Amino acid sequence: MKKKVLVSGGAGYIGSHVSVELIAAGYDVVVADNMSNCDMTCFEGVKKITGREDIPFEKIDCCDYASVDRIFSEYKIDAVIHFAAFKAVGESVAEPVKYYRNNLLSFLNILEAASVHGGCNVLFSSSATVYGDAEHLPVTENTPRLPATSPYGNTKQMSEDMLRDVVAATSSYDGKDGRWPVKGIALRYFNPIGAHPSALIGELPRGVPNNLVPFITQTAIGKRECLSIFGNDYPTEDGTCLRDYIDIVDLAKAHVAAVSRMVEGKMAKDYEIFNIGTGRPVSVYELVTAFEKVNGVKLNYKFAPRRPGDVVAIWADTSLANRELGWKAERTVEETLASAWAWERHLAGKL
């Protein structure tokens, strides 16, 4: 019998790509999303890519426990991947209450439902932001978590702690009091970019993009007049920030590997953490110029003041994930930037 995976926030950028890879790997998927930061474009794309018109979709807000409880009851969930969170660093600095309420409450409800409904494997979508402004690079899973540089990063740290504590507290449960053990994995991933090779799903931000690549592609297609590169006075070779940009499909496949590790009983501990990246630092300026080169497009860009909450540099040591999950990032930055441009052209009807 196929294992059933709930993907909360599954109609969004990362969730849609993960849903495709889960279905390809033989899992049944239930998608839940409140559609606060997406529309049905990517979910419809998932159905086209997979050839599956019967994928269950539930429009719910994970901050409403009754709705979460109903889904767990109705679908008999074996694992849940939690993406349903706000994710813009700058916005979180300006609106911290919005981020704390949504990101923490939604995950609390997932954790409670997971324990109540027969025990469940919980995969948390974490982030490299939990490392703060790390002193030593690349970061490993044992790198100390420094104070977060934004409320967004703080919600990721706090959510990891919540998962760890729930796993520890429920480890001895046997269902007699209506509670069951929860096992969990936190994937700390770095900077997802790109789109599916089919160009049927990709990053589709509402309003002004908060992430670099959609701003690049929207500038290239003419939606945006000019791309701003925030800060060219950082202590790096070209003065711009260094990041670990990982292809979205590679990232999605890491989630499948982690879910399989959980449902097949292969975890070394009941709570595990893995860095998911490429292990290769790329500067913001390098990414912009690589996009121009690989796609034959000239971008209108300017340098702007630093953005609140940004760290100078962060990239991953991925050796633990490579070894334990049997996973490794495979696509090049050039391939990924070509896919991002194909997606933007698809949206514009030019592909």
C-alpha atoms as a PDB file:
ATOM      1  CA  MET A   1       0.000   0.000   0.000  1.00  0.00           C
ATOM      2  CA  LYS A   2       1.325   3.420  -0.954  1.00  0.00           C
ATOM      3  CA  LYS A   3       2.423   5.746   1.813  1.00  0.00           C
ATOM      4  CA  LYS A   4       0.480   9.001   2.014  1.00  0.00           C
ATOM      5  CA  VAL A   5       2.313  12.311   2.410  1.00  0.00           C
ATOM      6  CA  LEU A   6       0.661  15.598   3.362  1.00  0.00           C
ATOM      7  CA  VAL A   7       2.415  18.579   1.774  1.00  0.00           C
ATOM      8  CA  SER A   8       1.347  21.710   3.646  1.00  0.00           C
ATOM      9  CA  GLY A   9       1.964  24.769   1.504  1.00  0.00           C
ATOM     10  CA  GLY A  10       2.068  22.329  -1.392  1.00  0.00           C
ATOM     11  CA  ALA A  11       0.733  24.709  -4.042  1.00  0.00           C
ATOM     12  CA  GLY A  12       3.730  27.006  -3.667  1.00  0.00           C
ATOM     13  CA  TYR A  13       7.157  27.036  -5.260  1.00  0.00           C
ATOM     14  CA  ILE A  14       9.003  24.374  -3.287  1.00  0.00           C
ATOM     15  CA  GLY A  15       5.913  22.363  -2.368  1.00  0.00           C
ATOM     16  CA  SER A  16       4.861  21.889  -5.988  1.00  0.00           C
ATOM     17  CA  HIS A  17       8.276  20.554  -7.030  1.00  0.00           C
ATOM     18  CA  VAL A  18       8.389  18.250  -4.018  1.00  0.00           C
ATOM     19  CA  SER A  19       4.916  16.944  -4.876  1.00  0.00           C
ATOM     20  CA  VAL A  20       6.094  16.042  -8.387  1.00  0.00           C
ATOM     21  CA  GLU A  21       9.090  14.114  -7.078  1.00  0.00           C
ATOM     22  CA  LEU A  22       7.055  12.352  -4.368  1.00  0.00           C
ATOM     23  CA  ILE A  23       4.535  11.127  -6.927  1.00  0.00           C
ATOM     24  CA  ALA A  24       7.354  10.015  -9.240  1.00  0.00           C
ATOM     25  CA  ALA A  25       8.788   8.016  -6.322  1.00  0.00           C
ATOM     26  CA  GLY A  26       5.494   6.202  -5.745  1.00  0.00           C
ATOM     27  CA  TYR A  27       3.952   8.175  -2.894  1.00  0.00           C
ATOM     28  CA  ASP A  28       0.359   9.392  -2.671  1.00  0.00           C
ATOM     29  CA  VAL A  29       0.267  13.135  -2.061  1.00  0.00           C
ATOM     30  CA  VAL A  30      -2.302  15.357  -0.356  1.00  0.00           C
ATOM     31  CA  VAL A  31      -1.743  19.069  -0.974  1.00  0.00           C
ATOM     32  CA  ALA A  32      -2.939  21.657   1.559  1.00  0.00           C
ATOM     33  CA  ASP A  33      -2.557  25.403   1.051  1.00  0.00           C
ATOM     34  CA  ASN A  34      -4.369  28.577   2.070  1.00  0.00           C
ATOM     35  CA  MET A  35      -3.277  30.246  -1.202  1.00  0.00           C
ATOM     36  CA  SER A  36      -2.051  33.363   0.618  1.00  0.00           C
ATOM     37  CA  ASN A  37       1.107  33.549  -1.474  1.00  0.00           C
ATOM     38  CA  CYS A  38       0.260  31.590  -4.638  1.00  0.00           C
ATOM     39  CA  ASP A  39      -2.494  30.688  -7.059  1.00  0.00           C
ATOM     40  CA  MET A  40      -3.417  27.374  -8.697  1.00  0.00           C
ATOM     41  CA  THR A  41      -0.846  27.697 -11.506  1.00  0.00           C
ATOM     42  CA  CYS A  42       1.768  25.398  -9.980  1.00  0.00           C
ATOM     43  CA  PHE A  43      -0.753  22.875  -8.653  1.00  0.00           C
ATOM     44  CA  GLU A  44      -2.221  22.585 -12.157  1.00  0.00           C
ATOM     45  CA  GLY A  45       1.330  22.210 -13.447  1.00  0.00           C
ATOM     46  CA  VAL A  46       1.940  19.340 -11.022  1.00  0.00           C
ATOM     47  CA  LYS A  47      -1.095  17.530 -12.419  1.00  0.00           C
ATOM     48  CA  LYS A  48       0.138  18.004 -15.985  1.00  0.00           C
ATOM     49  CA  ILE A  49       3.682  16.824 -15.231  1.00  0.00           C
ATOM     50  CA  THR A  50       2.548  13.753 -13.302  1.00  0.00           C
ATOM     51  CA  GLY A  51      -0.487  12.951 -15.435  1.00  0.00           C
ATOM     52  CA  ARG A  52      -2.509  12.801 -12.230  1.00  0.00           C
ATOM     53  CA  GLU A  53      -5.802  14.691 -12.173  1.00  0.00           C
ATOM     54  CA  ASP A  54      -6.865  13.069  -8.898  1.00  0.00           C
ATOM     55  CA  ILE A  55      -4.357  14.681  -6.510  1.00  0.00           C
ATOM     56  CA  PRO A  56      -6.337  15.725  -3.414  1.00  0.00           C
ATOM     57  CA  PHE A  57      -6.232  19.469  -2.769  1.00  0.00           C
ATOM     58  CA  GLU A  58      -7.426  21.046   0.477  1.00  0.00           C
ATOM     59  CA  LYS A  59      -7.689  24.823   0.771  1.00  0.00           C
ATOM     60  CA  ILE A  60      -7.067  25.280   4.483  1.00  0.00           C
ATOM     61  CA  ASP A  61      -5.090  27.502   6.816  1.00  0.00           C
ATOM     62  CA  CYS A  62      -2.769  25.402   8.966  1.00  0.00           C
ATOM     63  CA  CYS A  63      -3.210  27.992  11.718  1.00  0.00           C
ATOM     64  CA  ASP A  64      -6.708  26.525  12.149  1.00  0.00           C
ATOM     65  CA  TYR A  65      -6.277  23.324  14.152  1.00  0.00           C
ATOM     66  CA  ALA A  66      -9.724  21.955  13.324  1.00  0.00           C
ATOM     67  CA  SER A  67      -8.870  21.986   9.613  1.00  0.00           C
ATOM     68  CA  VAL A  68      -5.520  20.281  10.175  1.00  0.00           C
ATOM     69  CA  ASP A  69      -7.141  17.689  12.439  1.00  0.00           C
ATOM     70  CA  ARG A  70      -9.770  16.911   9.797  1.00  0.00           C
ATOM     71  CA  ILE A  71      -7.170  16.266   7.110  1.00  0.00           C
ATOM     72  CA  PHE A  72      -5.192  13.900   9.320  1.00  0.00           C
ATOM     73  CA  SER A  73      -8.414  12.065  10.186  1.00  0.00           C
ATOM     74  CA  GLU A  74      -9.684  11.855   6.628  1.00  0.00           C
ATOM     75  CA  TYR A  75      -6.516  10.840   4.808  1.00  0.00           C
ATOM     76  CA  LYS A  76      -4.579   8.703   7.321  1.00  0.00           C
ATOM     77  CA  ILE A  77      -1.297  10.553   6.823  1.00  0.00           C
ATOM     78  CA  ASP A  78       2.020   8.632   7.064  1.00  0.00           C
ATOM     79  CA  ALA A  79       4.305  11.669   6.753  1.00  0.00           C
ATOM     80  CA  VAL A  80       3.923  15.416   6.514  1.00  0.00           C
ATOM     81  CA  ILE A  81       6.254  17.933   4.879  1.00  0.00           C
ATOM     82  CA  HIS A  82       5.612  21.384   6.307  1.00  0.00           C
ATOM     83  CA  PHE A  83       6.173  24.345   3.986  1.00  0.00           C
ATOM     84  CA  ALA A  84       3.259  26.546   5.080  1.00  0.00           C
ATOM     85  CA  ALA A  85       5.183  29.581   6.329  1.00  0.00           C
ATOM     86  CA  PHE A  86       5.952  33.152   5.346  1.00  0.00           C
ATOM     87  CA  LYS A  87       9.516  33.420   4.102  1.00  0.00           C
ATOM     88  CA  ALA A  88      10.637  36.967   3.261  1.00  0.00           C
ATOM     89  CA  VAL A  89      13.512  38.153   5.459  1.00  0.00           C
ATOM     90  CA  GLY A  90      12.910  41.859   4.904  1.00  0.00           C
ATOM     91  CA  GLU A  91       9.170  41.616   5.465  1.00  0.00           C
ATOM     92  CA  SER A  92       9.737  39.697   8.687  1.00  0.00           C
ATOM     93  CA  VAL A  93      11.877  42.543  10.013  1.00  0.00           C
ATOM     94  CA  ALA A  94       9.055  44.988   9.254  1.00  0.00           C
ATOM     95  CA  GLU A  95       6.188  42.719  10.392  1.00  0.00           C
ATOM     96  CA  PRO A  96       7.477  40.322  13.069  1.00  0.00           C
ATOM     97  CA  VAL A  97       4.074  39.602  14.630  1.00  0.00           C
ATOM     98  CA  LYS A  98       2.741  38.351  11.303  1.00  0.00           C
ATOM     99  CA  TYR A  99       5.667  35.925  11.020  1.00  0.00           C
ATOM    100  CA  TYR A 100       5.573  34.631  14.585  1.00  0.00           C
ATOM    101  CA  ARG A 101       1.826  34.036  14.497  1.00  0.00           C
ATOM    102  CA  ASN A 102       1.722  32.244  11.149  1.00  0.00           C
ATOM    103  CA  ASN A 103       4.974  30.306  11.145  1.00  0.00           C
ATOM    104  CA  LEU A 104       4.809  29.028  14.713  1.00  0.00           C
ATOM    105  CA  LEU A 105       1.097  28.357  15.097  1.00  0.00           C
ATOM    106  CA  SER A 106       0.805  26.492  11.804  1.00  0.00           C
ATOM    107  CA  PHE A 107       3.649  24.156  12.766  1.00  0.00           C
ATOM    108  CA  LEU A 108       2.342  23.651  16.312  1.00  0.00           C
ATOM    109  CA  ASN A 109      -0.940  22.441  14.819  1.00  0.00           C
ATOM    110  CA  ILE A 110       0.879  20.039  12.488  1.00  0.00           C
ATOM    111  CA  LEU A 111       2.884  18.626  15.400  1.00  0.00           C
ATOM    112  CA  GLU A 112      -0.172  18.157  17.606  1.00  0.00           C
ATOM    113  CA  ALA A 113      -2.154  16.444  14.851  1.00  0.00           C
ATOM    114  CA  ALA A 114       0.811  14.211  14.028  1.00  0.00           C
ATOM    115  CA  SER A 115       0.938  12.904  17.591  1.00  0.00           C
ATOM    116  CA  VAL A 116      -2.824  12.528  18.009  1.00  0.00           C
ATOM    117  CA  HIS A 117      -3.390  10.621  14.779  1.00  0.00           C
ATOM    118  CA  GLY A 118      -1.393   7.467  15.312  1.00  0.00           C
ATOM    119  CA  GLY A 119       2.052   9.002  15.235  1.00  0.00           C
ATOM    120  CA  CYS A 120       3.519  10.528  12.121  1.00  0.00           C
ATOM    121  CA  ASN A 121       6.807  11.365  10.459  1.00  0.00           C
ATOM    122  CA  VAL A 122       7.339  15.123  10.259  1.00  0.00           C
ATOM    123  CA  LEU A 123       9.726  16.709   7.775  1.00  0.00           C
ATOM    124  CA  PHE A 124      10.305  20.382   8.523  1.00  0.00           C
ATOM    125  CA  SER A 125      11.327  22.888   5.881  1.00  0.00           C
ATOM    126  CA  SER A 126      14.103  24.695   7.709  1.00  0.00           C
ATOM    127  CA  SER A 127      16.723  27.091   6.445  1.00  0.00           C
ATOM    128  CA  ALA A 128      20.371  28.101   6.550  1.00  0.00           C
ATOM    129  CA  THR A 129      19.169  31.254   8.284  1.00  0.00           C
ATOM    130  CA  VAL A 130      19.257  29.279  11.561  1.00  0.00           C
ATOM    131  CA  TYR A 131      23.054  29.621  11.507  1.00  0.00           C
ATOM    132  CA  GLY A 132      22.846  33.407  11.615  1.00  0.00           C
ATOM    133  CA  ASP A 133      26.081  35.127  10.627  1.00  0.00           C
ATOM    134  CA  ALA A 134      28.257  32.014  10.987  1.00  0.00           C
ATOM    135  CA  GLU A 135      31.896  32.515  11.983  1.00  0.00           C
ATOM    136  CA  HIS A 136      33.242  29.462  10.139  1.00  0.00           C
ATOM    137  CA  LEU A 137      32.339  28.373   6.617  1.00  0.00           C
ATOM    138  CA  PRO A 138      31.097  26.127   5.198  1.00  0.00           C
ATOM    139  CA  VAL A 139      28.556  25.360   7.902  1.00  0.00           C
ATOM    140  CA  THR A 140      27.985  21.803   9.084  1.00  0.00           C
ATOM    141  CA  GLU A 141      25.021  20.463  11.027  1.00  0.00           C
ATOM    142  CA  ASN A 142      27.141  20.920  14.157  1.00  0.00           C
ATOM    143  CA  THR A 143      27.858  24.583  13.475  1.00  0.00           C
ATOM    144  CA  PRO A 144      26.428  26.558  16.431  1.00  0.00           C
ATOM    145  CA  ARG A 145      23.191  28.346  15.749  1.00  0.00           C
ATOM    146  CA  LEU A 146      23.904  32.015  16.359  1.00  0.00           C
ATOM    147  CA  PRO A 147      21.151  34.523  17.147  1.00  0.00           C
ATOM    148  CA  ALA A 148      18.946  34.865  14.082  1.00  0.00           C
ATOM    149  CA  THR A 149      19.397  38.013  12.030  1.00  0.00           C
ATOM    150  CA  SER A 150      15.653  38.308  11.321  1.00  0.00           C
ATOM    151  CA  PRO A 151      12.300  37.251  12.787  1.00  0.00           C
ATOM    152  CA  TYR A 152      11.967  34.861   9.825  1.00  0.00           C
ATOM    153  CA  GLY A 153      15.195  33.140  10.809  1.00  0.00           C
ATOM    154  CA  ASN A 154      14.078  33.097  14.421  1.00  0.00           C
ATOM    155  CA  THR A 155      10.852  31.272  13.499  1.00  0.00           C
ATOM    156  CA  LYS A 156      12.954  28.620  11.777  1.00  0.00           C
ATOM    157  CA  GLN A 157      15.123  28.181  14.873  1.00  0.00           C
ATOM    158  CA  MET A 158      12.084  28.044  17.130  1.00  0.00           C
ATOM    159  CA  SER A 159      10.284  25.570  14.865  1.00  0.00           C
ATOM    160  CA  GLU A 160      13.309  23.274  14.873  1.00  0.00           C
ATOM    161  CA  ASP A 161      13.270  23.414  18.675  1.00  0.00           C
ATOM    162  CA  MET A 162       9.556  22.636  18.710  1.00  0.00           C
ATOM    163  CA  LEU A 163      10.074  19.577  16.525  1.00  0.00           C
ATOM    164  CA  ARG A 164      13.019  18.390  18.619  1.00  0.00           C
ATOM    165  CA  ASP A 165      11.069  18.792  21.859  1.00  0.00           C
ATOM    166  CA  VAL A 166       7.934  17.063  20.555  1.00  0.00           C
ATOM    167  CA  VAL A 167       9.998  14.134  19.273  1.00  0.00           C
ATOM    168  CA  ALA A 168      11.693  13.813  22.679  1.00  0.00           C
ATOM    169  CA  ALA A 169       8.458  14.164  24.645  1.00  0.00           C
ATOM    170  CA  THR A 170       6.508  11.636  22.571  1.00  0.00           C
ATOM    171  CA  SER A 171       9.234   8.990  22.272  1.00  0.00           C
ATOM    172  CA  SER A 172       7.740   6.902  25.085  1.00  0.00           C
ATOM    173  CA  TYR A 173       4.107   7.266  24.013  1.00  0.00           C
ATOM    174  CA  ASP A 174       2.240   4.107  23.005  1.00  0.00           C
ATOM    175  CA  GLY A 175      -1.177   5.452  22.060  1.00  0.00           C
ATOM    176  CA  LYS A 176      -2.894   4.503  25.316  1.00  0.00           C
ATOM    177  CA  ASP A 177      -3.639   8.123  26.175  1.00  0.00           C
ATOM    178  CA  GLY A 178      -4.404   9.102  22.588  1.00  0.00           C
ATOM    179  CA  ARG A 179      -0.852  10.226  21.857  1.00  0.00           C
ATOM    180  CA  TRP A 180       1.674   8.526  19.639  1.00  0.00           C
ATOM    181  CA  PRO A 181       5.404   9.026  19.019  1.00  0.00           C
ATOM    182  CA  VAL A 182       6.499  11.547  16.419  1.00  0.00           C
ATOM    183  CA  LYS A 183       9.750  11.293  14.482  1.00  0.00           C
ATOM    184  CA  GLY A 184      11.227  14.268  12.700  1.00  0.00           C
ATOM    185  CA  ILE A 185      13.812  15.551  10.256  1.00  0.00           C
ATOM    186  CA  ALA A 186      14.716  19.196   9.710  1.00  0.00           C
ATOM    187  CA  LEU A 187      16.193  19.996   6.316  1.00  0.00           C
ATOM    188  CA  ARG A 188      18.244  23.163   6.472  1.00  0.00           C
ATOM    189  CA  TYR A 189      18.384  24.303   2.890  1.00  0.00           C
ATOM    190  CA  PHE A 190      20.082  27.216   1.394  1.00  0.00           C
ATOM    191  CA  ASN A 191      18.885  29.207  -1.642  1.00  0.00           C
ATOM    192  CA  PRO A 192      16.481  27.287  -3.915  1.00  0.00           C
ATOM    193  CA  ILE A 193      16.370  28.624  -7.465  1.00  0.00           C
ATOM    194  CA  GLY A 194      15.258  27.542 -10.919  1.00  0.00           C
ATOM    195  CA  ALA A 195      12.245  25.680 -12.222  1.00  0.00           C
ATOM    196  CA  HIS A 196      11.130  22.256 -13.387  1.00  0.00           C
ATOM    197  CA  PRO A 197      12.669  21.235 -16.756  1.00  0.00           C
ATOM    198  CA  SER A 198       9.151  21.098 -18.243  1.00  0.00           C
ATOM    199  CA  ALA A 199       8.730  24.845 -17.532  1.00  0.00           C
ATOM    200  CA  LEU A 200       5.259  23.997 -16.185  1.00  0.00           C
ATOM    201  CA  ILE A 201       6.062  24.919 -12.579  1.00  0.00           C
ATOM    202  CA  GLY A 202       8.447  27.417 -11.043  1.00  0.00           C
ATOM    203  CA  GLU A 203       8.677  30.334  -8.641  1.00  0.00           C
ATOM    204  CA  LEU A 204       5.638  32.592  -8.929  1.00  0.00           C
ATOM    205  CA  PRO A 205       5.772  35.382  -6.345  1.00  0.00           C
ATOM    206  CA  ARG A 206       2.863  37.677  -5.721  1.00  0.00           C
ATOM    207  CA  GLY A 207       3.688  41.339  -6.131  1.00  0.00           C
ATOM    208  CA  VAL A 208       7.320  42.414  -5.964  1.00  0.00           C
ATOM    209  CA  PRO A 209       9.614  39.355  -5.619  1.00  0.00           C
ATOM    210  CA  ASN A 210      11.601  38.967  -2.412  1.00  0.00           C
ATOM    211  CA  ASN A 211      14.007  36.439  -3.918  1.00  0.00           C
ATOM    212  CA  LEU A 212      16.786  37.236  -6.375  1.00  0.00           C
ATOM    213  CA  VAL A 213      16.130  34.943  -9.336  1.00  0.00           C
ATOM    214  CA  PRO A 214      12.469  35.842  -9.967  1.00  0.00           C
ATOM    215  CA  PHE A 215      13.504  39.492  -9.839  1.00  0.00           C
ATOM    216  CA  ILE A 216      16.197  38.700 -12.406  1.00  0.00           C
ATOM    217  CA  THR A 217      13.792  36.908 -14.746  1.00  0.00           C
ATOM    218  CA  GLN A 218      11.062  39.517 -14.353  1.00  0.00           C
ATOM    219  CA  THR A 219      13.581  42.242 -15.194  1.00  0.00           C
ATOM    220  CA  ALA A 220      14.774  40.264 -18.198  1.00  0.00           C
ATOM    221  CA  ILE A 221      11.221  39.764 -19.518  1.00  0.00           C
ATOM    222  CA  GLY A 222      10.329  43.427 -18.972  1.00  0.00           C
ATOM    223  CA  LYS A 223       8.027  43.175 -15.959  1.00  0.00           C
ATOM    224  CA  ARG A 224      10.530  45.085 -13.829  1.00  0.00           C
ATOM    225  CA  GLU A 225      12.467  48.124 -14.963  1.00  0.00           C
ATOM    226  CA  CYS A 226      15.620  47.481 -12.985  1.00  0.00           C
ATOM    227  CA  LEU A 227      17.177  44.825 -10.754  1.00  0.00           C
ATOM    228  CA  SER A 228      18.624  46.030  -7.458  1.00  0.00           C
ATOM    229  CA  ILE A 229      21.664  44.226  -6.067  1.00  0.00           C
ATOM    230  CA  PHE A 230      21.594  44.936  -2.343  1.00  0.00           C
ATOM    231  CA  GLY A 231      25.099  45.836  -1.214  1.00  0.00           C
ATOM    232  CA  ASN A 232      28.376  45.897  -3.153  1.00  0.00           C
ATOM    233  CA  ASP A 233      30.562  46.750  -0.167  1.00  0.00           C
ATOM    234  CA  TYR A 234      30.622  43.385   1.604  1.00  0.00           C
ATOM    235  CA  PRO A 235      34.038  41.830   2.417  1.00  0.00           C
ATOM    236  CA  THR A 236      33.894  39.452  -0.556  1.00  0.00           C
ATOM    237  CA  GLU A 237      35.806  39.325  -3.821  1.00  0.00           C
ATOM    238  CA  ASP A 238      33.261  41.374  -5.786  1.00  0.00           C
ATOM    239  CA  GLY A 239      31.593  43.094  -2.813  1.00  0.00           C
ATOM    240  CA  THR A 240      28.301  41.179  -3.053  1.00  0.00           C
ATOM    241  CA  CYS A 241      26.935  38.480  -0.736  1.00  0.00           C
ATOM    242  CA  LEU A 242      27.918  34.838  -1.135  1.00  0.00           C
ATOM    243  CA  ARG A 243      25.181  32.205  -1.177  1.00  0.00           C
ATOM    244  CA  ASP A 244      24.708  28.496  -1.864  1.00  0.00           C
ATOM    245  CA  TYR A 245      22.203  28.345  -4.730  1.00  0.00           C
ATOM    246  CA  ILE A 246      20.582  24.935  -5.134  1.00  0.00           C
ATOM    247  CA  ASP A 247      18.418  23.778  -8.027  1.00  0.00           C
ATOM    248  CA  ILE A 248      14.785  23.347  -7.015  1.00  0.00           C
ATOM    249  CA  VAL A 249      14.519  19.825  -8.457  1.00  0.00           C
ATOM    250  CA  ASP A 250      17.667  18.724  -6.624  1.00  0.00           C
ATOM    251  CA  LEU A 251      16.148  20.171  -3.456  1.00  0.00           C
ATOM    252  CA  ALA A 252      12.863  18.360  -4.060  1.00  0.00           C
ATOM    253  CA  LYS A 253      14.656  15.049  -4.450  1.00  0.00           C
ATOM    254  CA  ALA A 254      16.326  15.580  -1.068  1.00  0.00           C
ATOM    255  CA  HIS A 255      12.853  15.712   0.488  1.00  0.00           C
ATOM    256  CA  VAL A 256      11.929  12.393  -1.102  1.00  0.00           C
ATOM    257  CA  ALA A 257      15.127  10.832   0.250  1.00  0.00           C
ATOM    258  CA  ALA A 258      14.357  12.169   3.742  1.00  0.00           C
ATOM    259  CA  VAL A 259      10.740  10.969   3.698  1.00  0.00           C
ATOM    260  CA  SER A 260      11.871   7.522   2.543  1.00  0.00           C
ATOM    261  CA  ARG A 261      14.400   7.423   5.380  1.00  0.00           C
ATOM    262  CA  MET A 262      11.606   8.084   7.859  1.00  0.00           C
ATOM    263  CA  VAL A 263       8.849   5.801   6.565  1.00  0.00           C
ATOM    264  CA  GLU A 264      11.282   2.932   5.952  1.00  0.00           C
ATOM    265  CA  GLY A 265      12.576   3.099   9.536  1.00  0.00           C
ATOM    266  CA  LYS A 266      16.145   3.960   8.584  1.00  0.00           C
ATOM    267  CA  MET A 267      16.673   6.971  10.875  1.00  0.00           C
ATOM    268  CA  ALA A 268      19.708   6.779  13.143  1.00  0.00           C
ATOM    269  CA  LYS A 269      17.918   8.972  15.714  1.00  0.00           C
ATOM    270  CA  ASP A 270      14.311  10.017  16.167  1.00  0.00           C
ATOM    271  CA  TYR A 271      15.241  13.620  15.328  1.00  0.00           C
ATOM    272  CA  GLU A 272      17.773  14.398  12.609  1.00  0.00           C
ATOM    273  CA  ILE A 273      19.106  17.479  10.835  1.00  0.00           C
ATOM    274  CA  PHE A 274      20.609  17.729   7.349  1.00  0.00           C
ATOM    275  CA  ASN A 275      22.082  20.594   5.333  1.00  0.00           C
ATOM    276  CA  ILE A 276      20.733  20.645   1.780  1.00  0.00           C
ATOM    277  CA  GLY A 277      22.820  22.689  -0.622  1.00  0.00           C
ATOM    278  CA  THR A 278      25.546  22.373  -3.233  1.00  0.00           C
ATOM    279  CA  GLY A 279      28.538  23.220  -1.066  1.00  0.00           C
ATOM    280  CA  ARG A 280      29.610  25.828  -3.636  1.00  0.00           C
ATOM    281  CA  PRO A 281      29.430  29.563  -2.812  1.00  0.00           C
ATOM    282  CA  VAL A 282      28.310  31.882  -5.610  1.00  0.00           C
ATOM    283  CA  SER A 283      28.106  35.657  -5.269  1.00  0.00           C
ATOM    284  CA  VAL A 284      24.998  37.623  -6.156  1.00  0.00           C
ATOM    285  CA  TYR A 285      26.926  39.422  -8.894  1.00  0.00           C
ATOM    286  CA  GLU A 286      28.225  36.122 -10.282  1.00  0.00           C
ATOM    287  CA  LEU A 287      24.675  34.786 -10.451  1.00  0.00           C
ATOM    288  CA  VAL A 288      23.460  37.874 -12.316  1.00  0.00           C
ATOM    289  CA  THR A 289      26.252  37.719 -14.875  1.00  0.00           C
ATOM    290  CA  ALA A 290      25.851  33.944 -15.267  1.00  0.00           C
ATOM    291  CA  PHE A 291      22.167  34.467 -16.087  1.00  0.00           C
ATOM    292  CA  GLU A 292      23.099  37.003 -18.758  1.00  0.00           C
ATOM    293  CA  LYS A 293      25.663  34.672 -20.291  1.00  0.00           C
ATOM    294  CA  VAL A 294      23.701  31.430 -20.338  1.00  0.00           C
ATOM    295  CA  ASN A 295      20.497  33.004 -21.635  1.00  0.00           C
ATOM    296  CA  GLY A 296      21.969  35.662 -23.931  1.00  0.00           C
ATOM    297  CA  VAL A 297      20.074  38.419 -22.128  1.00  0.00           C
ATOM    298  CA  LYS A 298      21.360  41.788 -20.954  1.00  0.00           C
ATOM    299  CA  LEU A 299      19.982  42.865 -17.587  1.00  0.00           C
ATOM    300  CA  ASN A 300      19.382  46.377 -16.383  1.00  0.00           C
ATOM    301  CA  TYR A 301      20.698  46.345 -12.813  1.00  0.00           C
ATOM    302  CA  LYS A 302      22.037  48.740 -10.203  1.00  0.00           C
ATOM    303  CA  PHE A 303      23.680  48.440  -6.818  1.00  0.00           C
ATOM    304  CA  ALA A 304      21.565  49.466  -3.838  1.00  0.00           C
ATOM    305  CA  PRO A 305      22.177  49.792  -0.080  1.00  0.00           C
ATOM    306  CA  ARG A 306      22.446  46.647   2.011  1.00  0.00           C
ATOM    307  CA  ARG A 307      19.205  44.949   3.006  1.00  0.00           C
ATOM    308  CA  PRO A 308      18.323  44.442   6.711  1.00  0.00           C
ATOM    309  CA  GLY A 309      18.812  40.865   7.902  1.00  0.00           C
ATOM    310  CA  ASP A 310      21.224  39.729   5.186  1.00  0.00           C
ATOM    311  CA  VAL A 311      24.424  37.945   6.213  1.00  0.00           C
ATOM    312  CA  VAL A 312      27.688  38.361   4.297  1.00  0.00           C
ATOM    313  CA  ALA A 313      28.194  34.732   3.317  1.00  0.00           C
ATOM    314  CA  ILE A 314      26.706  31.303   3.923  1.00  0.00           C
ATOM    315  CA  TRP A 315      27.180  27.968   2.211  1.00  0.00           C
ATOM    316  CA  ALA A 316      26.845  24.342   3.190  1.00  0.00           C
ATOM    317  CA  ASP A 317      28.950  21.360   3.994  1.00  0.00           C
ATOM    318  CA  THR A 318      26.605  18.708   2.562  1.00  0.00           C
ATOM    319  CA  SER A 319      28.665  15.612   3.318  1.00  0.00           C
ATOM    320  CA  LEU A 320      26.229  14.301   5.954  1.00  0.00           C
ATOM    321  CA  ALA A 321      23.228  14.472   3.600  1.00  0.00           C
ATOM    322  CA  ASN A 322      25.307  12.986   0.789  1.00  0.00           C
ATOM    323  CA  ARG A 323      26.283  10.047   2.969  1.00  0.00           C
ATOM    324  CA  GLU A 324      23.159   9.382   5.031  1.00  0.00           C
ATOM    325  CA  LEU A 325      20.431  10.271   2.542  1.00  0.00           C
ATOM    326  CA  GLY A 326      22.250   8.960  -0.516  1.00  0.00           C
ATOM    327  CA  TRP A 327      21.508  12.301  -2.148  1.00  0.00           C
ATOM    328  CA  LYS A 328      23.611  14.911  -3.889  1.00  0.00           C
ATOM    329  CA  ALA A 329      22.916  18.123  -5.808  1.00  0.00           C
ATOM    330  CA  GLU A 330      23.532  17.423  -9.498  1.00  0.00           C
ATOM    331  CA  ARG A 331      22.417  20.334 -11.686  1.00  0.00           C
ATOM    332  CA  THR A 332      24.767  23.193 -12.536  1.00  0.00           C
ATOM    333  CA  VAL A 333      24.003  26.844 -11.877  1.00  0.00           C
ATOM    334  CA  GLU A 334      23.883  27.370 -15.650  1.00  0.00           C
ATOM    335  CA  GLU A 335      21.251  24.640 -16.128  1.00  0.00           C
ATOM    336  CA  THR A 336      19.230  26.051 -13.273  1.00  0.00           C
ATOM    337  CA  LEU A 337      19.297  29.623 -14.576  1.00  0.00           C
ATOM    338  CA  ALA A 338      18.248  28.376 -18.021  1.00  0.00           C
ATOM    339  CA  SER A 339      15.255  26.629 -16.420  1.00  0.00           C
ATOM    340  CA  ALA A 340      14.292  29.795 -14.542  1.00  0.00           C
ATOM    341  CA  TRP A 341      14.310  31.774 -17.780  1.00  0.00           C
ATOM    342  CA  ALA A 342      12.279  29.077 -19.578  1.00  0.00           C
ATOM    343  CA  TRP A 343       9.661  29.269 -16.796  1.00  0.00           C
ATOM    344  CA  GLU A 344       9.442  33.065 -17.046  1.00  0.00           C
ATOM    345  CA  ARG A 345       9.013  32.848 -20.820  1.00  0.00           C
ATOM    346  CA  HIS A 346       6.359  30.152 -20.357  1.00  0.00           C
ATOM    347  CA  LEU A 347       4.430  32.493 -18.065  1.00  0.00           C
ATOM    348  CA  ALA A 348       4.663  35.222 -20.710  1.00  0.00           C
ATOM    349  CA  GLY A 349       3.487  32.858 -23.456  1.00  0.00           C
ATOM    350  CA  LYS A 350       6.817  33.151 -25.237  1.00  0.00           C
ATOM    351  CA  LEU A 351       7.946  29.543 -24.958  1.00  0.00           C
END
